[in-house]
C-alpha atoms as a PDB file:
ATOM      1  CA  MET A   1      94.091 -19.816  45.786  1.00  0.00           C
ATOM      2  CA  LEU A   2      94.564 -17.055  43.235  1.00  0.00           C
ATOM      3  CA  THR A   3      98.135 -16.305  42.306  1.00  0.00           C
ATOM      4  CA  LEU A   4      99.120 -13.130  40.482  1.00  0.00           C
ATOM      5  CA  ASP A   5     102.427 -12.231  39.021  1.00  0.00           C
ATOM      6  CA  VAL A   6     103.747  -8.668  39.053  1.00  0.00           C
ATOM      7  CA  ASP A   7     102.572  -7.832  35.532  1.00  0.00           C
ATOM      8  CA  GLN A   8      98.993  -8.884  36.275  1.00  0.00           C
ATOM      9  CA  LEU A   9      98.945  -6.888  39.495  1.00  0.00           C
ATOM     10  CA  VAL A  10     100.254  -3.766  37.759  1.00  0.00           C
ATOM     11  CA  MET A  11      97.618  -4.168  35.013  1.00  0.00           C
ATOM     12  CA  ILE A  12      94.857  -4.490  37.605  1.00  0.00           C
ATOM     13  CA  MET A  13      96.108  -1.353  39.351  1.00  0.00           C
ATOM     14  CA  ALA A  14      96.196   0.541  36.039  1.00  0.00           C
ATOM     15  CA  THR A  15      92.663  -0.599  35.210  1.00  0.00           C
ATOM     16  CA  ILE A  16      91.391   0.523  38.603  1.00  0.00           C
ATOM     17  CA  MET A  17      93.086   3.897  38.130  1.00  0.00           C
ATOM     18  CA  VAL A  18      91.414   4.336  34.734  1.00  0.00           C
ATOM     19  CA  VAL A  19      87.996   3.525  36.217  1.00  0.00           C
ATOM     20  CA  MET A  20      88.590   5.955  39.095  1.00  0.00           C
ATOM     21  CA  GLY A  21      89.706   8.595  36.575  1.00  0.00           C
ATOM     22  CA  VAL A  22      86.521   8.173  34.542  1.00  0.00           C
ATOM     23  CA  ILE A  23      84.406   8.459  37.695  1.00  0.00           C
ATOM     24  CA  SER A  24      86.325  11.541  38.842  1.00  0.00           C
ATOM     25  CA  ILE A  25      86.012  13.304  35.484  1.00  0.00           C
ATOM     26  CA  ALA A  26      82.310  12.449  35.248  1.00  0.00           C
ATOM     27  CA  ALA A  27      81.715  13.762  38.771  1.00  0.00           C
ATOM     28  CA  GLY A  28      83.614  16.965  37.975  1.00  0.00           C
ATOM     29  CA  ILE A  29      81.591  17.568  34.824  1.00  0.00           C
ATOM     30  CA  LEU A  30      78.340  16.920  36.676  1.00  0.00           C
ATOM     31  CA  VAL A  31      79.333  19.363  39.403  1.00  0.00           C
ATOM     32  CA  LEU A  32      80.205  22.024  36.839  1.00  0.00           C
ATOM     33  CA  VAL A  33      77.047  21.535  34.804  1.00  0.00           C
ATOM     34  CA  PHE A  34      74.422  21.101  37.496  1.00  0.00           C
ATOM     35  CA  ARG A  35      75.751  22.833  40.625  1.00  0.00           C
ATOM     36  CA  VAL A  36      77.164  26.041  39.175  1.00  0.00           C
ATOM     37  CA  SER A  37      74.143  26.840  37.038  1.00  0.00           C
ATOM     38  CA  GLY A  38      71.523  25.391  39.362  1.00  0.00           C
ATOM     39  CA  LYS A  39      68.005  26.749  39.629  1.00  0.00           C
ATOM     40  CA  GLU A  40      68.413  27.497  43.312  1.00  0.00           C
ATOM     41  CA  VAL A  41      71.336  29.847  42.718  1.00  0.00           C
ATOM     42  CA  HIS A  42      69.483  31.692  39.955  1.00  0.00           C
ATOM     43  CA  ASN A  43      66.313  32.001  42.032  1.00  0.00           C
ATOM     44  CA  LEU A  44      68.267  33.293  45.011  1.00  0.00           C
ATOM     45  CA  ALA A  45      70.132  35.815  42.855  1.00  0.00           C
ATOM     46  CA  ASN A  46      66.875  37.055  41.318  1.00  0.00           C
ATOM     47  CA  GLN A  47      65.201  37.418  44.699  1.00  0.00           C
ATOM     48  CA  THR A  48      68.223  39.246  46.078  1.00  0.00           C
ATOM     49  CA  ALA A  49      68.169  41.663  43.155  1.00  0.00           C
ATOM     50  CA  ARG A  50      64.481  42.349  43.801  1.00  0.00           C
ATOM     51  CA  LEU A  51      65.241  42.870  47.481  1.00  0.00           C
ATOM     52  CA  ALA A  52      67.983  45.356  46.639  1.00  0.00           C
ATOM     53  CA  GLN A  53      65.675  47.263  44.269  1.00  0.00           C
ATOM     54  CA  LYS A  54      63.003  47.430  46.939  1.00  0.00           C
ATOM     55  CA  GLY A  55      65.562  48.676  49.447  1.00  0.00           C
ATOM     56  CA  ILE A  56      66.681  51.406  47.046  1.00  0.00           C
ATOM     57  CA  ALA A  57      63.098  52.416  46.263  1.00  0.00           C
ATOM     58  CA  ASP A  58      62.132  52.563  49.932  1.00  0.00           C
ATOM     59  CA  GLU A  59      65.463  54.190  50.898  1.00  0.00           C
ATOM     60  CA  VAL A  60      66.397  51.469  53.366  1.00  0.00           C
ATOM     61  CA  SER A  61      70.182  51.389  53.340  1.00  0.00           C
ATOM     62  CA  GLY A  62      70.475  48.352  55.643  1.00  0.00           C
ATOM     63  CA  LEU A  63      68.411  46.279  53.272  1.00  0.00           C
ATOM     64  CA  VAL A  64      70.635  47.205  50.340  1.00  0.00           C
ATOM     65  CA  GLY A  65      73.783  46.405  52.340  1.00  0.00           C
ATOM     66  CA  ASN A  66      72.456  42.992  53.345  1.00  0.00           C
ATOM     67  CA  ALA A  67      71.425  42.232  49.771  1.00  0.00           C
ATOM     68  CA  SER A  68      74.930  43.154  48.635  1.00  0.00           C
ATOM     69  CA  SER A  69      76.439  40.793  51.215  1.00  0.00           C
ATOM     70  CA  LEU A  70      74.130  38.032  50.045  1.00  0.00           C
ATOM     71  CA  LEU A  71      75.202  38.530  46.428  1.00  0.00           C
ATOM     72  CA  ASP A  72      78.854  38.375  47.476  1.00  0.00           C
ATOM     73  CA  ALA A  73      78.161  35.103  49.284  1.00  0.00           C
ATOM     74  CA  LEU A  74      76.470  33.724  46.160  1.00  0.00           C
ATOM     75  CA  ASN A  75      79.479  34.650  44.043  1.00  0.00           C
ATOM     76  CA  GLN A  76      81.778  32.903  46.518  1.00  0.00           C
ATOM     77  CA  LEU A  77      79.531  29.811  46.431  1.00  0.00           C
ATOM     78  CA  VAL A  78      79.727  29.632  42.644  1.00  0.00           C
ATOM     79  CA  ARG A  79      83.520  30.068  42.701  1.00  0.00           C
ATOM     80  CA  THR A  80      83.906  27.313  45.306  1.00  0.00           C
ATOM     81  CA  THR A  81      81.672  24.933  43.367  1.00  0.00           C
ATOM     82  CA  THR A  82      83.592  25.660  40.174  1.00  0.00           C
ATOM     83  CA  GLY A  83      86.857  24.959  41.987  1.00  0.00           C
ATOM     84  CA  VAL A  84      85.587  21.602  43.213  1.00  0.00           C
ATOM     85  CA  GLY A  85      84.520  20.622  39.692  1.00  0.00           C
ATOM     86  CA  VAL A  86      87.842  21.620  38.161  1.00  0.00           C
ATOM     87  CA  PHE A  87      89.745  19.794  40.914  1.00  0.00           C
ATOM     88  CA  LEU A  88      87.802  16.591  40.232  1.00  0.00           C
ATOM     89  CA  ILE A  89      88.512  16.834  36.507  1.00  0.00           C
ATOM     90  CA  LEU A  90      92.224  17.449  37.062  1.00  0.00           C
ATOM     91  CA  THR A  91      92.359  14.529  39.503  1.00  0.00           C
ATOM     92  CA  GLY A  92      90.778  12.320  36.851  1.00  0.00           C
ATOM     93  CA  PHE A  93      93.407  13.324  34.308  1.00  0.00           C
ATOM     94  CA  ALA A  94      96.154  12.681  36.858  1.00  0.00           C
ATOM     95  CA  LEU A  95      94.743   9.192  37.421  1.00  0.00           C
ATOM     96  CA  PHE A  96      94.775   8.610  33.662  1.00  0.00           C
ATOM     97  CA  ALA A  97      98.405   9.721  33.501  1.00  0.00           C
ATOM     98  CA  GLY A  98      99.313   7.415  36.382  1.00  0.00           C
ATOM     99  CA  ALA A  99      97.550   4.483  34.720  1.00  0.00           C
ATOM    100  CA  PHE A 100      99.350   5.208  31.460  1.00  0.00           C
ATOM    101  CA  TYR A 101     102.675   5.290  33.283  1.00  0.00           C
ATOM    102  CA  LEU A 102     101.937   1.949  34.965  1.00  0.00           C
ATOM    103  CA  ALA A 103     100.901   0.384  31.658  1.00  0.00           C
ATOM    104  CA  GLN A 104     104.119   1.617  30.026  1.00  0.00           C
ATOM    105  CA  GLN A 105     106.168  -0.094  32.745  1.00  0.00           C
ATOM    106  CA  LEU A 106     104.860  -3.484  31.634  1.00  0.00           C
ATOM    107  CA  HIS A 107     106.672  -3.478  28.293  1.00  0.00           C
END
């Protein structure tokens, strides 16, 4: 049977927190890099702009209003995705701080 003393258990917990922090920061960076500036968002924004121009040229006010609503929804999507990425990064740093605190308690 494996027996651990308190110091070993605290060190294992600190190590796990560091690994979780690295994963959280990496996930946050990936979300910020790939989700916020994704091709789908750019394509949708370009198509919406074309739709709005066509609505203005053809004097269809409903089409312009719907295109404006779609652009607002895209902006909200980007803000939400950015918030998720920043939250993951901050959580990773908090895990690092917690692991550092636990490691300092050993000495």
